[in-house]
């Protein structure tokens, strides 16, 4: 079936609108207070030694795609290094690799075991498929991850992935068929066109103009520079980005000044920005582009001599990802940008929970009243933006704070307390470790991926229990979400299915 998208998306209305939960519009705050997450006593997706008295009613996984090839071709990457970048042989730029497909399947198999134990899956493929919903944005690595994760989650099923595909499989930003839930700016249902200065002011209120970031992250920049240009080598044009046709080894991106400004609007006739593109970051963007392949090389099983040309220990590999996290923190996690860019995803997650509780089909929810398992796959930007809106943070073994590794996912569990009937929400971050990805380690309930329950600021009154009452969770999200940045639910056109 060929999915379709409206040619013209409705613009946000200026009239008063109801909250996500259907109550009157609440006073809008610019965001929730940020707080560092602590590990709670509840282990995610593991068999508990003692029954905690709750029943899992629905689960929403909002995750990143698995292992992909570099998002720039090797000819472009070679312009910023003394040595040629090893190629992801046979894999187009930005596509999921074969091992990425396998890693996604392994994570799906793990959740299969967990959800069988929790009673959301039965082991019958037809029955389980009827209670599951899979969705991805329009990039190959996302919808392929959703399909392979689903194949592990429901063995033997042909997984229907809901997506607004096509444009061309890896075109980004795609000017048509953008998902209004995942990328509301590009879909035209949200805009910062009238207030980009506010976005920049908030970013500069945290990071300044950007010039001090080079010294604050000097360790990471030095590490990356020495990888690109080992002792005895140097770029031909220090600090100058090459023009087309420049020779390999033309410039060192770590020497390009980091400046935080408003991005130039897109000139393709579409909306002025896409999600994550509002703030221009000068040299930081070039550094991330050059360093990004190292993580994927390691995760994809490249030989030690090929991962960062044999110069990276696992600890150093982890350290240099702080540059990735910095870029995403600037682009997605600040209060105004998180609100504009992630309100749509948050509203759909909340309405999906309301749908599960009420037993009534709701526009603006994932799946329908039969659906208990919801798998939504996109990229690290969107995962981090949603976490920023919630004020959630994590730290998993071997990773830097808030890093989104390949396949990492925010997990929302809607549970009901048997004794009282009360609903509660548990939020986790779950991801395979670097070595679980690299070794394609089978995951079991006894040998799970890395995971931690997340603190939702304002959500729990207990110092030892991070569970959040659903009513509290709903209230928090209704304050955090800006419905002016969400397409009216009754005007949504659901995505088609790509099998």
Protein backbone atom coordinates (compact mmCIF):
# COMPACT_ATOMS: atom_id res chain seq x y z
CA UNK A 1 0.00 0.00 0.00
CA UNK A 2 1.36 3.43 -0.91
CA UNK A 3 0.99 5.83 2.02
CA UNK A 4 -0.11 9.35 1.28
CA UNK A 5 0.28 12.65 3.05
CA UNK A 6 -1.88 15.76 2.68
CA UNK A 7 -0.41 18.24 0.23
CA UNK A 8 -1.12 21.02 2.68
CA UNK A 9 -0.75 20.49 6.40
CA UNK A 10 -2.96 22.68 8.61
CA UNK A 11 -1.09 25.40 10.43
CA UNK A 12 -1.31 25.78 14.21
CA UNK A 13 -4.48 27.52 15.28
CA UNK A 14 -4.38 30.63 17.41
CA UNK A 15 -7.68 29.81 19.06
CA UNK A 16 -7.91 28.19 22.45
CA UNK A 17 -7.54 24.41 22.28
CA UNK A 18 -8.08 21.59 24.73
CA UNK A 19 -5.31 19.74 26.53
CA UNK A 20 -4.04 16.39 25.31
CA UNK A 21 -6.11 14.62 27.93
CA UNK A 22 -9.24 16.51 26.91
CA UNK A 23 -9.41 18.91 29.88
CA UNK A 24 -9.27 22.70 29.58
CA UNK A 25 -6.04 24.26 28.38
CA UNK A 26 -3.51 24.55 31.17
CA UNK A 27 -1.11 27.40 31.73
CA UNK A 28 1.87 26.78 29.48
CA UNK A 29 5.32 26.60 31.00
CA UNK A 30 8.45 26.77 28.92
CA UNK A 31 9.58 23.34 30.15
CA UNK A 32 10.02 21.08 33.09
CA UNK A 33 12.92 21.53 35.48
CA UNK A 34 15.95 19.53 34.47
CA UNK A 35 17.30 16.99 36.92
CA UNK A 36 19.85 14.23 36.81
CA UNK A 37 18.22 10.80 36.69
CA UNK A 38 19.09 8.32 39.42
CA UNK A 39 18.75 4.63 39.12
CA UNK A 40 15.59 3.45 40.82
CA UNK A 41 14.97 0.12 42.51
CA UNK A 42 12.84 -1.29 39.69
CA UNK A 43 14.77 -3.13 37.01
CA UNK A 44 13.40 -2.63 33.52
CA UNK A 45 12.36 -5.58 31.41
CA UNK A 46 13.62 -8.26 33.79
CA UNK A 47 11.87 -10.96 35.77
CA UNK A 48 11.40 -9.62 39.27
CA UNK A 49 12.18 -11.82 42.24
CA UNK A 50 9.05 -10.56 43.99
CA UNK A 51 5.71 -9.69 42.40
CA UNK A 52 5.39 -5.90 42.65
CA UNK A 53 1.61 -6.05 42.56
CA UNK A 54 1.19 -4.37 39.17
CA UNK A 55 0.16 -5.59 35.73
CA UNK A 56 1.69 -4.29 32.50
CA UNK A 57 -1.18 -2.96 30.38
CA UNK A 58 0.69 -1.26 27.52
CA UNK A 59 4.24 -0.45 26.45
CA UNK A 60 5.57 2.25 24.14
CA UNK A 61 9.13 2.05 22.80
CA UNK A 62 10.36 5.32 21.29
CA UNK A 63 13.78 4.44 19.93
CA UNK A 64 16.71 5.11 17.65
CA UNK A 65 17.57 3.04 14.61
CA UNK A 66 20.29 0.39 14.97
CA UNK A 67 23.80 0.32 13.42
CA UNK A 68 24.07 2.18 10.11
CA UNK A 69 26.82 3.16 7.72
CA UNK A 70 28.35 6.64 7.86
CA UNK A 71 26.02 9.44 6.83
CA UNK A 72 28.68 10.97 4.57
CA UNK A 73 30.44 9.16 1.72
CA UNK A 74 34.06 8.21 2.18
CA UNK A 75 35.28 10.73 -0.42
CA UNK A 76 33.82 13.56 1.65
CA UNK A 77 35.11 12.12 4.92
CA UNK A 78 38.60 11.68 3.48
CA UNK A 79 38.83 15.47 3.07
CA UNK A 80 39.11 15.79 6.85
CA UNK A 81 41.62 13.06 7.66
CA UNK A 82 45.17 12.11 6.81
CA UNK A 83 44.17 8.48 6.25
CA UNK A 84 41.29 7.19 4.13
CA UNK A 85 38.18 6.17 6.06
CA UNK A 86 37.40 2.45 5.89
CA UNK A 87 34.23 1.86 3.91
CA UNK A 88 31.02 0.16 4.99
CA UNK A 89 31.31 -2.21 2.04
CA UNK A 90 28.12 -2.73 0.08
CA UNK A 91 25.99 -0.46 2.29
CA UNK A 92 24.70 2.83 0.85
CA UNK A 93 25.36 6.00 2.80
CA UNK A 94 23.22 6.13 5.95
CA UNK A 95 21.59 2.71 5.48
CA UNK A 96 21.19 0.07 8.18
CA UNK A 97 24.02 -2.45 7.94
CA UNK A 98 23.54 -6.21 7.91
CA UNK A 99 24.80 -6.38 11.49
CA UNK A 100 22.51 -3.49 12.38
CA UNK A 101 19.61 -5.57 11.14
CA UNK A 102 20.75 -8.47 13.31
CA UNK A 103 21.26 -6.24 16.36
CA UNK A 104 17.74 -4.85 15.97
CA UNK A 105 16.40 -8.39 15.81
CA UNK A 106 18.26 -9.36 18.96
CA UNK A 107 16.79 -6.45 20.88
CA UNK A 108 13.37 -7.36 19.54
CA UNK A 109 13.86 -10.98 20.67
CA UNK A 110 14.72 -9.75 24.13
CA UNK A 111 11.50 -7.76 24.39
CA UNK A 112 9.67 -10.83 23.03
CA UNK A 113 10.85 -12.79 26.07
CA UNK A 114 10.00 -9.98 28.44
CA UNK A 115 6.54 -9.34 27.06
CA UNK A 116 5.75 -13.05 27.02
CA UNK A 117 6.59 -13.07 30.72
CA UNK A 118 4.47 -9.97 31.31
CA UNK A 119 1.53 -11.35 29.37
CA UNK A 120 1.35 -8.79 26.54
CA UNK A 121 2.49 -11.43 24.04
CA UNK A 122 0.99 -14.89 23.68
CA UNK A 123 3.50 -16.63 21.42
CA UNK A 124 0.94 -16.84 18.60
CA UNK A 125 2.21 -14.65 15.75
CA UNK A 126 -1.21 -13.73 14.40
CA UNK A 127 -2.62 -12.80 17.79
CA UNK A 128 0.50 -10.90 18.80
CA UNK A 129 0.65 -8.95 15.55
CA UNK A 130 -2.94 -7.79 16.12
CA UNK A 131 -1.94 -6.19 19.41
CA UNK A 132 1.24 -4.50 18.07
CA UNK A 133 1.88 -1.26 16.17
CA UNK A 134 5.10 -0.35 14.37
CA UNK A 135 5.94 3.09 13.02
CA UNK A 136 9.05 4.77 11.62
CA UNK A 137 10.05 7.99 9.96
CA UNK A 138 10.78 7.94 6.25
CA UNK A 139 14.46 6.99 6.30
CA UNK A 140 15.56 3.47 5.37
CA UNK A 141 17.52 2.85 8.56
CA UNK A 142 14.46 3.68 10.65
CA UNK A 143 11.82 1.61 8.94
CA UNK A 144 14.26 -1.28 8.46
CA UNK A 145 15.07 -1.20 12.19
CA UNK A 146 11.35 -1.27 12.98
CA UNK A 147 10.86 -4.26 10.67
CA UNK A 148 13.82 -6.23 12.03
CA UNK A 149 13.00 -5.38 15.65
CA UNK A 150 9.45 -6.55 14.94
CA UNK A 151 10.68 -9.79 13.41
CA UNK A 152 12.51 -10.52 16.66
CA UNK A 153 9.57 -9.40 18.76
CA UNK A 154 7.02 -11.54 16.88
CA UNK A 155 8.84 -14.45 15.22
CA UNK A 156 7.20 -15.62 12.00
CA UNK A 157 5.15 -12.46 11.44
CA UNK A 158 5.35 -10.19 8.41
CA UNK A 159 5.79 -6.83 10.13
CA UNK A 160 3.71 -3.94 8.75
CA UNK A 161 5.62 -0.70 9.40
CA UNK A 162 3.50 2.45 9.37
CA UNK A 163 5.37 5.24 7.60
CA UNK A 164 4.88 8.20 5.29
CA UNK A 165 7.46 6.65 2.92
CA UNK A 166 8.44 7.33 0.20
CA UNK A 167 10.53 9.91 -0.65
CA UNK A 168 13.82 8.47 -1.96
CA UNK A 169 14.89 6.02 0.72
CA UNK A 170 17.66 8.08 2.31
CA UNK A 171 16.82 11.64 1.32
CA UNK A 172 17.01 13.94 4.33
CA UNK A 173 15.58 16.38 4.89
CA UNK A 174 12.75 15.10 2.74
CA UNK A 175 10.56 17.94 1.54
CA UNK A 176 7.52 15.69 1.20
CA UNK A 177 5.93 13.04 3.39
CA UNK A 178 7.61 14.14 6.61
CA UNK A 179 6.02 12.51 9.66
CA UNK A 180 4.09 15.24 11.52
CA UNK A 181 4.50 13.40 14.83
CA UNK A 182 8.24 12.79 14.58
CA UNK A 183 9.34 15.82 12.52
CA UNK A 184 6.66 18.49 13.01
CA UNK A 185 8.84 21.33 11.69
CA UNK A 186 9.48 19.70 8.34
CA UNK A 187 5.86 18.55 8.13
CA UNK A 188 4.78 22.15 8.60
CA UNK A 189 2.57 21.56 11.65
CA UNK A 190 4.95 23.47 13.93
CA UNK A 191 7.09 26.49 13.27
CA UNK A 192 9.74 28.66 14.87
CA UNK A 193 9.66 31.04 11.91
CA UNK A 194 8.14 33.81 14.02
CA UNK A 195 10.41 33.23 17.00
CA UNK A 196 13.83 31.79 16.03
CA UNK A 197 15.47 34.53 18.11
CA UNK A 198 13.90 33.04 21.22
CA UNK A 199 15.41 29.66 20.36
CA UNK A 200 18.85 31.21 19.94
CA UNK A 201 18.55 33.28 23.12
CA UNK A 202 17.81 30.17 25.20
CA UNK A 203 20.68 28.24 23.63
CA UNK A 204 23.11 31.12 24.14
CA UNK A 205 21.84 31.52 27.70
CA UNK A 206 23.29 28.07 28.40
CA UNK A 207 26.24 27.79 26.01
CA UNK A 208 27.12 31.42 25.25
CA UNK A 209 27.99 32.26 21.68
CA UNK A 210 29.75 28.92 21.32
CA UNK A 211 33.30 30.23 21.37
CA UNK A 212 33.98 28.81 24.85
CA UNK A 213 32.86 25.32 23.86
CA UNK A 214 36.22 24.64 22.21
CA UNK A 215 37.99 25.00 25.55
CA UNK A 216 35.22 23.28 27.54
CA UNK A 217 35.47 20.27 25.22
CA UNK A 218 39.19 20.56 24.48
CA UNK A 219 39.84 16.98 25.58
CA UNK A 220 37.35 15.54 23.12
CA UNK A 221 38.39 17.86 20.30
CA UNK A 222 42.05 17.02 20.85
CA UNK A 223 41.26 13.31 20.86
CA UNK A 224 39.36 13.57 17.57
CA UNK A 225 42.01 15.80 15.97
CA UNK A 226 44.74 13.27 16.78
CA UNK A 227 42.64 10.50 15.26
CA UNK A 228 42.15 12.45 12.06
CA UNK A 229 45.73 13.71 11.91
CA UNK A 230 48.16 11.49 13.87
CA UNK A 231 51.57 12.87 14.85
CA UNK A 232 53.60 13.63 11.76
CA UNK A 233 50.59 14.53 9.62
CA UNK A 234 48.71 17.76 9.14
CA UNK A 235 45.89 19.14 6.97
CA UNK A 236 46.66 21.07 3.82
CA UNK A 237 44.32 23.91 4.77
CA UNK A 238 44.06 24.23 8.56
CA UNK A 239 40.69 25.49 9.72
CA UNK A 240 39.24 25.96 6.24
CA UNK A 241 36.45 23.74 4.96
CA UNK A 242 37.33 22.43 1.50
CA UNK A 243 35.44 23.30 -1.64
CA UNK A 244 34.29 20.65 -4.06
CA UNK A 245 37.20 18.78 -5.54
CA UNK A 246 39.56 19.55 -2.65
CA UNK A 247 42.32 17.08 -2.01
CA UNK A 248 42.08 14.46 0.74
CA UNK A 249 43.37 15.71 4.05
CA UNK A 250 42.29 19.24 3.26
CA UNK A 251 41.18 20.44 6.68
CA UNK A 252 40.89 19.62 10.35
CA UNK A 253 37.28 20.24 11.45
CA UNK A 254 38.29 20.58 15.10
CA UNK A 255 40.02 23.87 14.27
CA UNK A 256 36.90 25.45 12.73
CA UNK A 257 35.36 27.93 15.22
CA UNK A 258 32.20 26.84 17.00
CA UNK A 259 29.59 29.56 16.71
CA UNK A 260 25.92 29.32 17.68
CA UNK A 261 23.64 31.27 15.37
CA UNK A 262 20.24 30.87 13.70
CA UNK A 263 20.38 28.57 10.69
CA UNK A 264 19.63 30.01 7.29
CA UNK A 265 16.08 29.02 6.29
CA UNK A 266 15.71 26.18 3.81
CA UNK A 267 15.40 27.43 0.24
CA UNK A 268 13.53 24.52 -1.34
CA UNK A 269 10.10 26.07 -1.01
CA UNK A 270 9.24 24.07 2.07
CA UNK A 271 9.17 25.14 5.70
CA UNK A 272 12.12 27.23 6.92
CA UNK A 273 13.59 24.53 9.19
CA UNK A 274 13.46 20.84 9.94
CA UNK A 275 13.63 19.34 13.40
CA UNK A 276 17.12 19.73 14.83
CA UNK A 277 18.11 22.31 12.24
CA UNK A 278 17.11 25.60 13.87
CA UNK A 279 20.53 26.35 15.40
CA UNK A 280 23.68 26.51 13.26
CA UNK A 281 26.78 25.40 15.16
CA UNK A 282 29.73 26.26 12.95
CA UNK A 283 32.60 23.82 13.29
CA UNK A 284 30.76 21.57 15.75
CA UNK A 285 28.66 20.10 12.93
CA UNK A 286 31.78 19.23 10.92
CA UNK A 287 33.42 17.59 13.93
CA UNK A 288 30.39 15.41 14.59
CA UNK A 289 30.24 14.39 10.93
CA UNK A 290 33.91 13.36 10.99
CA UNK A 291 33.73 11.50 14.33
CA UNK A 292 30.34 9.81 13.90
CA UNK A 293 31.68 6.84 11.86
CA UNK A 294 33.87 5.65 14.75
CA UNK A 295 30.90 4.56 16.86
CA UNK A 296 29.33 2.72 13.94
CA UNK A 297 32.66 1.10 13.00
CA UNK A 298 33.02 -0.37 16.48
CA UNK A 299 29.40 -1.44 16.75
CA UNK A 300 29.48 -2.98 13.27
CA UNK A 301 32.41 -5.24 14.12
CA UNK A 302 35.19 -3.53 12.15
CA UNK A 303 38.63 -4.85 13.00
CA UNK A 304 40.53 -3.09 15.76
CA UNK A 305 42.89 -1.67 13.13
CA UNK A 306 39.99 -0.11 11.25
CA UNK A 307 38.13 1.41 14.20
CA UNK A 308 39.59 4.92 14.28
CA UNK A 309 42.61 3.52 12.36
CA UNK A 310 43.54 1.41 15.36
CA UNK A 311 43.98 4.40 17.66
CA UNK A 312 40.81 4.15 19.77
CA UNK A 313 40.35 2.35 23.04
CA UNK A 314 36.76 1.70 24.05
CA UNK A 315 37.02 4.35 26.77
CA UNK A 316 38.30 6.91 24.26
CA UNK A 317 35.56 5.96 21.82
CA UNK A 318 33.00 6.64 24.52
CA UNK A 319 34.65 9.93 25.53
CA UNK A 320 34.56 11.42 22.04
CA UNK A 321 30.78 10.84 21.84
CA UNK A 322 30.37 13.78 24.24
CA UNK A 323 30.64 15.89 21.08
CA UNK A 324 27.59 14.13 19.61
CA UNK A 325 25.63 14.60 22.80
CA UNK A 326 26.60 18.29 22.95
CA UNK A 327 25.28 18.89 19.44
CA UNK A 328 21.96 17.20 20.24
CA UNK A 329 21.66 18.99 23.59
CA UNK A 330 21.96 22.31 21.79
CA UNK A 331 19.59 21.35 18.98
CA UNK A 332 16.87 19.51 20.90
CA UNK A 333 16.98 19.71 24.70
CA UNK A 334 16.63 23.40 25.52
CA UNK A 335 13.13 24.29 26.82
CA UNK A 336 11.68 26.19 23.87
CA UNK A 337 13.16 23.94 21.19
CA UNK A 338 12.16 20.80 23.10
CA UNK A 339 8.61 22.13 23.36
CA UNK A 340 8.33 23.07 19.68
CA UNK A 341 9.99 19.95 18.32
CA UNK A 342 8.78 17.22 20.71
CA UNK A 343 5.28 18.21 21.80
CA UNK A 344 3.75 16.22 18.97
CA UNK A 345 5.49 12.97 19.96
CA UNK A 346 4.72 13.52 23.65
CA UNK A 347 1.05 14.22 22.95
CA UNK A 348 0.72 10.97 20.99
CA UNK A 349 2.38 8.97 23.74
CA UNK A 350 0.01 10.43 26.32
CA UNK A 351 -3.07 9.86 24.17
CA UNK A 352 -1.96 6.29 23.53
CA UNK A 353 -1.97 5.70 27.29
CA UNK A 354 -5.38 7.37 27.65
CA UNK A 355 -6.69 5.15 24.86
CA UNK A 356 -5.41 2.04 26.67
CA UNK A 357 -7.04 3.11 29.94
CA UNK A 358 -10.36 4.26 28.48
CA UNK A 359 -10.82 1.48 25.95
CA UNK A 360 -11.97 4.10 23.43
CA UNK A 361 -10.21 4.70 20.12
CA UNK A 362 -8.66 8.16 20.07
CA UNK A 363 -7.39 10.27 17.21
CA UNK A 364 -3.82 11.24 17.92
CA UNK A 365 -2.95 7.88 19.53
CA UNK A 366 -0.72 5.14 18.17
CA UNK A 367 -2.65 2.05 17.11
CA UNK A 368 -6.12 1.40 18.50
CA UNK A 369 -7.75 -0.10 21.58
CA UNK A 370 -6.47 -3.56 20.60
CA UNK A 371 -2.89 -2.34 20.55
CA UNK A 372 -0.78 -2.93 23.64
CA UNK A 373 2.72 -2.82 22.12
CA UNK A 374 3.84 0.31 20.28
CA UNK A 375 7.25 0.53 18.56
CA UNK A 376 8.21 3.97 17.18
CA UNK A 377 11.62 4.24 15.49
CA UNK A 378 13.45 7.37 14.33
CA UNK A 379 16.83 8.86 15.33
CA UNK A 380 18.80 10.00 18.35
CA UNK A 381 17.69 13.62 17.84
CA UNK A 382 14.02 12.78 18.31
CA UNK A 383 14.66 10.47 21.28
CA UNK A 384 16.74 13.14 23.01
CA UNK A 385 14.18 15.85 22.24
CA UNK A 386 11.39 13.85 23.87
CA UNK A 387 13.62 13.17 26.88
CA UNK A 388 14.38 16.90 27.07
CA UNK A 389 10.69 17.73 27.16
CA UNK A 390 10.29 15.28 30.06
CA UNK A 391 13.44 16.52 31.83
CA UNK A 392 14.79 12.94 31.77
CA UNK A 393 18.46 11.90 31.80
CA UNK A 394 20.34 8.60 31.85
CA UNK A 395 23.77 7.09 32.26
CA UNK A 396 24.31 3.52 31.04
CA UNK A 397 27.47 1.42 31.54
CA UNK A 398 30.22 2.34 29.07
CA UNK A 399 28.37 5.33 27.67
CA UNK A 400 28.47 9.06 28.33
CA UNK A 401 25.51 10.81 30.01
CA UNK A 402 22.46 11.04 27.74
CA UNK A 403 24.21 9.37 24.81
CA UNK A 404 21.79 7.59 22.47
CA UNK A 405 23.59 4.51 21.13
CA UNK A 406 22.34 2.61 18.09
CA UNK A 407 19.05 0.95 18.98
CA UNK A 408 18.68 2.80 22.29
CA UNK A 409 15.09 3.47 23.29
CA UNK A 410 12.90 5.31 25.75
CA UNK A 411 10.50 2.75 27.20
CA UNK A 412 7.17 3.85 28.66
CA UNK A 413 5.31 1.23 30.67
CA UNK A 414 1.66 1.76 31.61
CA UNK A 415 0.89 -0.44 34.62
CA UNK A 416 -2.14 -1.05 36.78
CA UNK A 417 -1.95 -1.84 40.49
CA UNK A 418 -4.01 -4.95 41.09
CA UNK A 419 -5.08 -4.05 44.61
CA UNK A 420 -6.37 -0.55 43.84
CA UNK A 421 -6.86 -0.38 40.06
CA UNK A 422 -4.65 2.71 40.00
CA UNK A 423 -2.56 3.28 36.87
CA UNK A 424 1.11 4.22 37.03
CA UNK A 425 3.87 4.96 34.54
CA UNK A 426 7.45 3.72 34.54
CA UNK A 427 9.94 5.29 32.16
CA UNK A 428 13.20 3.57 31.27
CA UNK A 429 16.11 4.00 28.94
CA UNK A 430 17.28 0.69 27.47
CA UNK A 431 20.12 0.00 25.02
CA UNK A 432 22.59 -2.66 24.06
CA UNK A 433 26.09 -1.95 25.33
CA UNK A 434 28.92 -1.23 22.92
CA UNK A 435 30.13 -4.81 23.18
CA UNK A 436 26.65 -6.34 22.96
CA UNK A 437 26.31 -4.52 19.64
CA UNK A 438 29.80 -5.39 18.44
CA UNK A 439 29.54 -9.06 19.38
CA UNK A 440 25.87 -9.46 18.41
CA UNK A 441 25.32 -10.85 21.88
CA UNK A 442 22.09 -12.81 22.36
CA UNK A 443 19.97 -11.04 24.98
CA UNK A 444 17.94 -12.86 27.60
CA UNK A 445 16.07 -11.93 30.74
CA UNK A 446 19.08 -13.22 32.66
CA UNK A 447 21.54 -11.35 30.40
CA UNK A 448 19.66 -8.18 29.47
CA UNK A 449 20.75 -5.01 27.69
CA UNK A 450 21.79 -2.04 29.79
CA UNK A 451 18.81 -0.28 31.32
CA UNK A 452 17.75 2.13 34.04
CA UNK A 453 14.50 3.56 35.30
CA UNK A 454 14.39 7.32 34.78
CA UNK A 455 13.44 10.11 37.12
CA UNK A 456 10.64 12.27 35.73
CA UNK A 457 10.97 15.59 37.60
CA UNK A 458 7.87 16.27 39.65
CA UNK A 459 6.60 12.77 39.05
CA UNK A 460 7.39 10.81 42.20
CA UNK A 461 7.10 11.76 45.85
CA UNK A 462 9.08 8.75 47.02
CA UNK A 463 12.86 8.81 47.52
CA UNK A 464 13.09 5.10 46.66
CA UNK A 465 10.43 4.61 43.98
CA UNK A 466 10.47 6.40 40.63
CA UNK A 467 7.04 5.17 39.54
CA UNK A 468 4.69 8.01 38.57
CA UNK A 469 0.93 7.96 39.07
CA UNK A 470 -0.71 8.21 35.68
CA UNK A 471 -2.72 11.25 36.75
CA UNK A 472 0.51 12.98 37.74
CA UNK A 473 2.22 11.93 34.51
CA UNK A 474 -0.73 13.24 32.50
CA UNK A 475 -0.67 16.57 34.34
CA UNK A 476 3.07 16.96 33.81
CA UNK A 477 2.79 16.30 30.08
CA UNK A 478 -0.20 18.59 29.66
CA UNK A 479 1.94 21.38 31.12
CA UNK A 480 5.01 20.49 29.07
CA UNK A 481 3.25 20.00 25.73
CA UNK A 482 2.49 22.99 23.53
CA UNK A 483 -0.60 22.04 21.51
CA UNK A 484 0.08 24.97 19.22
CA UNK A 485 2.93 22.81 17.86
CA UNK A 486 0.74 19.72 17.35
CA UNK A 487 -1.44 19.03 14.34
CA UNK A 488 -5.10 18.91 15.44
CA UNK A 489 -5.75 15.27 16.15
CA UNK A 490 -8.90 15.06 14.05
CA UNK A 491 -7.00 16.41 11.04
CA UNK A 492 -4.29 13.77 11.01
CA UNK A 493 -3.94 11.46 8.03
CA UNK A 494 -2.52 8.18 9.34
CA UNK A 495 0.61 6.88 7.61
CA UNK A 496 0.35 4.00 5.18
CA UNK A 497 1.92 0.59 5.65
CA UNK A 498 5.21 -0.58 4.19
CA UNK A 499 5.55 -4.34 4.45
